[in-house]
Amino acid sequence: MSATLIGSVARTTAPHSALRRFLALDAVVTGGNGLAYAAFSGPLGRLLGIGEGTLLELGIFLALYGAGVGWLAARRRPPVLPVKLVIEVNYAWVAASLLSLLLWDAPTAAGLAWIPVQAAVVAAFAALQQLALRAVSESE
């Protein structure tokens, strides 16, 4: 993916702005998911076939993680190392999500659909952030 394509997806030609927008989108989606998982861990757990306690813990983690990513997105020039950490954590989340499909005892049909979809979204965030970070590095 070229810097031009990244710029068009981010609707800006400024590499730092593109990176910040991808981080902000990640923060909103991740934080929103986390809050939903934490607030509705019982009903969502039954829908997805995930234990209520597990979903509550994931929700708290995701809400805090989303807040951290949001803090990075709010920076004029997000520091490279924390951005790289966000990218790596996102890729690790994708791997863990897909692995959970193999190891999980009883996901429901909704869980079997939701897990790959959310993993694909997180993978897209990671890829866009990685490309935008590369564009930032090339512009400096």
Protein backbone atom coordinates (compact mmCIF):
# COMPACT_ATOMS: atom_id res chain seq x y z
CA MET A 1 0.00 0.00 0.00
CA SER A 2 1.51 3.30 -1.01
CA ALA A 3 1.66 6.50 0.98
CA THR A 4 -0.84 7.97 -1.49
CA LEU A 5 -3.35 5.22 -0.78
CA ILE A 6 -2.82 5.58 2.99
CA GLY A 7 -3.35 9.31 2.60
CA SER A 8 -6.58 8.79 0.71
CA VAL A 9 -7.89 6.29 3.28
CA ALA A 10 -6.99 8.70 6.09
CA ARG A 11 -8.25 11.68 4.05
CA THR A 12 -5.04 13.57 4.65
CA THR A 13 -1.62 13.78 3.03
CA ALA A 14 0.11 14.57 6.33
CA PRO A 15 1.69 11.32 7.62
CA HIS A 16 1.38 12.27 11.30
CA SER A 17 -2.30 13.14 10.82
CA ALA A 18 -2.96 9.82 9.09
CA LEU A 19 -1.27 7.93 11.92
CA ARG A 20 -3.22 9.87 14.52
CA ARG A 21 -6.50 9.19 12.73
CA PHE A 22 -5.85 5.44 12.55
CA LEU A 23 -4.90 5.42 16.23
CA ALA A 24 -8.01 7.42 17.13
CA LEU A 25 -10.29 5.07 15.19
CA ASP A 26 -8.66 2.11 16.92
CA ALA A 27 -9.14 3.79 20.30
CA VAL A 28 -12.84 4.48 19.71
CA VAL A 29 -13.65 0.99 18.42
CA THR A 30 -11.53 -0.82 21.01
CA GLY A 31 -12.68 1.33 23.90
CA GLY A 32 -16.31 1.00 22.83
CA ASN A 33 -16.00 -2.78 22.59
CA GLY A 34 -14.33 -2.87 25.98
CA LEU A 35 -17.05 -0.81 27.62
CA ALA A 36 -19.75 -2.99 26.04
CA TYR A 37 -18.00 -6.20 27.13
CA ALA A 38 -17.60 -4.90 30.68
CA ALA A 39 -21.10 -3.43 31.02
CA PHE A 40 -22.94 -6.30 29.36
CA SER A 41 -20.63 -9.23 30.12
CA GLY A 42 -23.53 -11.48 31.11
CA PRO A 43 -25.79 -11.11 28.07
CA LEU A 44 -22.91 -10.78 25.60
CA GLY A 45 -21.18 -13.75 27.18
CA ARG A 46 -24.28 -15.89 26.66
CA LEU A 47 -24.67 -14.61 23.09
CA LEU A 48 -21.04 -15.37 22.18
CA GLY A 49 -20.53 -18.40 24.41
CA ILE A 50 -17.85 -16.69 26.49
CA GLY A 51 -17.76 -16.84 30.28
CA GLU A 52 -19.08 -13.71 31.96
CA GLY A 53 -15.92 -13.30 34.06
CA THR A 54 -13.66 -13.69 31.05
CA LEU A 55 -15.65 -11.15 29.06
CA LEU A 56 -15.63 -8.71 31.99
CA GLU A 57 -11.84 -8.99 32.27
CA LEU A 58 -11.41 -8.58 28.51
CA GLY A 59 -13.73 -5.58 28.61
CA ILE A 60 -11.73 -3.85 31.34
CA PHE A 61 -8.47 -4.56 29.50
CA LEU A 62 -9.85 -3.28 26.19
CA ALA A 63 -11.31 -0.13 27.77
CA LEU A 64 -7.96 0.71 29.38
CA TYR A 65 -6.04 -0.21 26.23
CA GLY A 66 -8.38 1.94 24.13
CA ALA A 67 -7.80 4.86 26.50
CA GLY A 68 -4.03 4.44 26.09
CA VAL A 69 -4.31 4.32 22.31
CA GLY A 70 -6.53 7.40 22.48
CA TRP A 71 -3.87 9.19 24.51
CA LEU A 72 -1.33 8.40 21.76
CA ALA A 73 -3.75 9.61 19.09
CA ALA A 74 -4.14 12.92 20.94
CA ARG A 75 -0.40 13.60 20.75
CA ARG A 76 0.72 15.97 17.98
CA ARG A 77 3.50 13.55 17.10
CA PRO A 78 2.83 10.13 18.63
CA PRO A 79 6.09 8.60 19.90
CA VAL A 80 7.37 5.79 17.68
CA LEU A 81 8.00 3.11 20.33
CA PRO A 82 4.53 3.24 21.91
CA VAL A 83 2.96 3.21 18.43
CA LYS A 84 5.02 0.13 17.55
CA LEU A 85 3.80 -1.46 20.79
CA VAL A 86 0.18 -0.75 19.82
CA ILE A 87 0.78 -2.38 16.43
CA GLU A 88 2.38 -5.44 18.02
CA VAL A 89 -0.39 -5.77 20.63
CA ASN A 90 -2.98 -5.53 17.86
CA TYR A 91 -1.28 -8.32 15.89
CA ALA A 92 -1.01 -10.41 19.08
CA TRP A 93 -4.74 -9.87 19.69
CA VAL A 94 -5.50 -11.14 16.18
CA ALA A 95 -3.39 -14.26 16.74
CA ALA A 96 -4.94 -14.90 20.17
CA SER A 97 -8.45 -14.40 18.80
CA LEU A 98 -7.93 -16.90 16.00
CA LEU A 99 -6.20 -19.33 18.33
CA SER A 100 -9.15 -19.10 20.71
CA LEU A 101 -11.36 -20.54 17.98
CA LEU A 102 -9.29 -23.72 18.10
CA LEU A 103 -8.99 -23.93 21.88
CA TRP A 104 -12.37 -22.65 23.01
CA ASP A 105 -14.84 -25.23 24.31
CA ALA A 106 -18.23 -23.88 23.34
CA PRO A 107 -18.50 -20.71 21.28
CA THR A 108 -21.97 -20.11 19.92
CA ALA A 109 -22.66 -19.49 16.25
CA ALA A 110 -22.54 -15.78 17.04
CA GLY A 111 -19.15 -16.26 18.73
CA LEU A 112 -17.84 -18.21 15.75
CA ALA A 113 -18.85 -15.30 13.52
CA TRP A 114 -17.82 -12.45 15.82
CA ILE A 115 -14.29 -13.58 16.65
CA PRO A 116 -12.93 -13.63 13.07
CA VAL A 117 -14.73 -10.38 12.21
CA GLN A 118 -13.27 -8.48 15.16
CA ALA A 119 -9.86 -10.06 14.48
CA ALA A 120 -10.02 -8.81 10.88
CA VAL A 121 -10.87 -5.29 12.05
CA VAL A 122 -7.97 -5.28 14.52
CA ALA A 123 -5.64 -6.64 11.81
CA ALA A 124 -6.72 -3.80 9.53
CA PHE A 125 -6.00 -1.25 12.27
CA ALA A 126 -2.54 -2.74 12.81
CA ALA A 127 -1.73 -2.78 9.09
CA LEU A 128 -2.91 0.80 8.56
CA GLN A 129 -1.01 2.01 11.63
CA GLN A 130 2.13 0.21 10.46
CA LEU A 131 1.91 1.73 6.98
CA ALA A 132 1.20 5.19 8.38
CA LEU A 133 4.16 4.87 10.77
CA ARG A 134 6.36 3.92 7.83
CA ALA A 135 5.11 7.01 5.94
CA VAL A 136 5.96 9.15 8.98
CA SER A 137 9.49 7.71 9.06
CA GLU A 138 9.97 8.33 5.33
CA SER A 139 8.79 11.94 5.64
CA GLU A 140 11.32 12.83 8.32
